[in-house]
C-alpha cells in the first residue's frame, strides 16, 4: 500500500499541472481573441495572416461564408471602429479551444459612409498548431443591428 501513495501523489500533481496549463491557455485565448479584433480595426494584415489558420472559415450573421483570403480582403477594404468582446468563455480540449462570447461592433458602411452599430454572439474555434494558437473558425450565431 505504501508504494501506491507516491504514484497517487504524482498523478494528483500531474492533473494539477494540466489544469494549470489549461487555465493559462484559457486566459491567453481570451486576450488573443480581443487582440485579433484590435488588429482588424488597425488593419494589421501581417499579424492577422499569422493568427488565422490557412483553412480559416468566417461564417457571418448575414449568411455569407468567407475563407481566410476573403475575410482578409473584407478587413482590408473595411473601416472598423469598434470590435469589443464581452462575456467570453473558453472551453479547452487537447489542441482545440472553443471560445464563445458577445461582441459590440461599429463600422463605416462603404456605400453611404454612415456608421453602422451591431451586436453579435459568436462561437470561435482555435487550434494549437506549431505551438501557437490560431483561429480556424468564426461563426456568428446571433446578430442585432441598431437602428
Protein backbone atom coordinates (compact mmCIF):
# COMPACT_ATOMS: atom_id res chain seq x y z
CA UNK A 1 0.00 0.00 0.00
CA UNK A 2 2.90 2.37 0.67
CA UNK A 3 4.09 2.07 -2.96
CA UNK A 4 0.72 3.26 -4.26
CA UNK A 5 0.88 6.51 -2.30
CA UNK A 6 3.75 8.13 -4.28
CA UNK A 7 2.02 7.14 -7.53
CA UNK A 8 -1.24 8.73 -6.39
CA UNK A 9 0.61 11.88 -5.31
CA UNK A 10 2.35 12.02 -8.71
CA UNK A 11 -0.96 11.60 -10.58
CA UNK A 12 -2.58 14.27 -8.42
CA UNK A 13 0.28 16.72 -9.12
CA UNK A 14 0.19 15.88 -12.82
CA UNK A 15 -3.55 16.59 -13.01
CA UNK A 16 -2.98 19.90 -11.22
CA UNK A 17 -0.30 20.86 -13.75
CA UNK A 18 -2.66 20.01 -16.63
CA UNK A 19 -5.39 22.14 -15.04
CA UNK A 20 -2.93 24.99 -14.54
CA UNK A 21 -1.81 24.80 -18.20
CA UNK A 22 -5.44 24.79 -19.39
CA UNK A 23 -6.16 27.83 -17.20
CA UNK A 24 -3.12 29.66 -18.60
CA UNK A 25 -4.12 28.81 -22.18
CA UNK A 26 -7.69 29.89 -21.47
CA UNK A 27 -6.52 33.29 -20.21
CA UNK A 28 -4.16 33.66 -23.19
CA UNK A 29 -7.01 32.87 -25.58
CA UNK A 30 -9.32 35.50 -24.06
CA UNK A 31 -6.55 38.06 -24.60
CA UNK A 32 -5.70 36.77 -28.09
CA UNK A 33 -9.36 36.78 -29.08
CA UNK A 34 -9.62 40.54 -28.35
CA UNK A 35 -6.18 41.25 -29.85
CA UNK A 36 -7.23 39.74 -33.17
CA UNK A 37 -10.13 42.18 -33.40
CA UNK A 38 -7.91 45.07 -32.39
CA UNK A 39 -5.74 44.08 -35.36
CA UNK A 40 -8.88 44.05 -37.56
CA UNK A 41 -9.57 47.67 -36.55
CA UNK A 42 -5.91 48.59 -37.18
CA UNK A 43 -5.86 46.64 -40.47
CA UNK A 44 -2.72 44.87 -39.27
CA UNK A 45 -2.76 42.36 -42.09
CA UNK A 46 0.64 40.84 -41.28
CA UNK A 47 -0.44 39.94 -37.74
CA UNK A 48 -3.84 38.68 -38.86
CA UNK A 49 -2.25 36.48 -41.52
CA UNK A 50 -0.37 34.61 -38.77
CA UNK A 51 -3.35 34.38 -36.39
CA UNK A 52 -5.89 32.96 -38.83
CA UNK A 53 -5.18 29.39 -39.97
CA UNK A 54 -4.82 28.70 -43.70
CA UNK A 55 -8.13 26.77 -43.51
CA UNK A 56 -9.92 29.54 -41.54
CA UNK A 57 -13.66 29.93 -42.22
CA UNK A 58 -15.71 33.01 -41.25
CA UNK A 59 -19.49 32.49 -41.16
CA UNK A 60 -21.17 35.90 -40.90
CA UNK A 61 -24.56 36.56 -39.32
CA UNK A 62 -25.82 37.52 -42.79
CA UNK A 63 -25.17 34.00 -44.08
CA UNK A 64 -22.05 34.98 -46.02
CA UNK A 65 -19.22 32.49 -45.61
CA UNK A 66 -15.64 33.52 -46.35
CA UNK A 67 -12.33 31.72 -46.21
CA UNK A 68 -9.18 33.36 -44.94
CA UNK A 69 -8.39 35.19 -48.18
CA UNK A 70 -11.92 36.58 -48.49
CA UNK A 71 -12.08 37.71 -44.87
CA UNK A 72 -8.69 39.43 -45.08
CA UNK A 73 -9.90 41.31 -48.18
CA UNK A 74 -13.02 42.34 -46.25
CA UNK A 75 -10.83 43.62 -43.42
CA UNK A 76 -8.51 45.48 -45.83
CA UNK A 77 -11.46 47.17 -47.58
CA UNK A 78 -13.50 47.87 -44.44
CA UNK A 79 -13.44 50.58 -41.83
CA UNK A 80 -14.00 49.05 -38.41
CA UNK A 81 -14.20 51.45 -35.49
CA UNK A 82 -15.08 49.05 -32.66
CA UNK A 83 -14.90 45.29 -32.10
CA UNK A 84 -15.20 44.87 -28.33
CA UNK A 85 -15.67 41.46 -26.71
CA UNK A 86 -17.75 40.72 -23.62
CA UNK A 87 -18.79 37.61 -21.65
CA UNK A 88 -16.07 35.46 -23.22
CA UNK A 89 -15.98 31.80 -22.15
CA UNK A 90 -13.30 29.31 -23.18
CA UNK A 91 -13.81 25.56 -23.35
CA UNK A 92 -10.45 23.78 -23.54
CA UNK A 93 -9.79 20.45 -25.28
CA UNK A 94 -6.45 18.88 -26.22
CA UNK A 95 -5.17 21.07 -29.06
CA UNK A 96 -8.55 22.78 -29.56
CA UNK A 97 -10.33 25.64 -27.79
CA UNK A 98 -13.93 26.71 -28.29
CA UNK A 99 -14.46 30.37 -27.49
CA UNK A 100 -17.96 31.79 -27.04
CA UNK A 101 -18.83 35.40 -26.42
CA UNK A 102 -20.53 38.62 -27.36
CA UNK A 103 -19.07 41.40 -29.46
CA UNK A 104 -20.13 45.03 -29.95
CA UNK A 105 -19.23 46.32 -33.40
CA UNK A 106 -19.13 49.66 -35.14
CA UNK A 107 -18.06 50.21 -38.74
CA UNK A 108 -18.42 52.69 -41.57
CA UNK A 109 -20.74 51.47 -44.32
CA UNK A 110 -18.86 51.62 -47.64
CA UNK A 111 -21.93 52.52 -49.72
CA UNK A 112 -23.29 55.53 -47.80
CA UNK A 113 -20.43 56.24 -45.33
CA UNK A 114 -22.79 56.04 -42.35
CA UNK A 115 -21.76 54.48 -39.07
CA UNK A 116 -23.34 51.08 -38.50
CA UNK A 117 -23.54 49.62 -34.99
CA UNK A 118 -24.41 45.99 -34.36
CA UNK A 119 -24.04 43.37 -31.66
CA UNK A 120 -23.43 39.68 -32.07
CA UNK A 121 -22.88 36.40 -30.32
CA UNK A 122 -20.30 34.05 -31.72
CA UNK A 123 -18.52 30.76 -31.43
CA UNK A 124 -14.85 30.70 -32.42
CA UNK A 125 -12.61 27.68 -32.64
CA UNK A 126 -8.87 27.87 -32.10
CA UNK A 127 -6.35 25.12 -32.82
CA UNK A 128 -2.89 24.70 -31.36
CA UNK A 129 -0.63 24.42 -34.40
CA UNK A 130 3.17 24.54 -34.27
CA UNK A 131 2.93 25.52 -30.57
CA UNK A 132 0.78 28.61 -31.37
CA UNK A 133 -2.96 29.18 -31.13
CA UNK A 134 -4.61 30.10 -34.46
CA UNK A 135 -8.26 30.73 -35.20
CA UNK A 136 -9.77 28.15 -37.52
CA UNK A 137 -13.43 29.21 -37.37
CA UNK A 138 -15.69 32.14 -36.52
CA UNK A 139 -19.42 31.57 -36.54
CA UNK A 140 -21.86 34.38 -35.75
CA UNK A 141 -24.82 32.73 -34.01
CA UNK A 142 -26.92 35.87 -33.40
CA UNK A 143 -26.76 39.41 -34.74
CA UNK A 144 -28.72 42.51 -33.76
CA UNK A 145 -28.39 45.73 -35.76
CA UNK A 146 -29.05 49.05 -34.05
CA UNK A 147 -31.48 51.30 -35.91
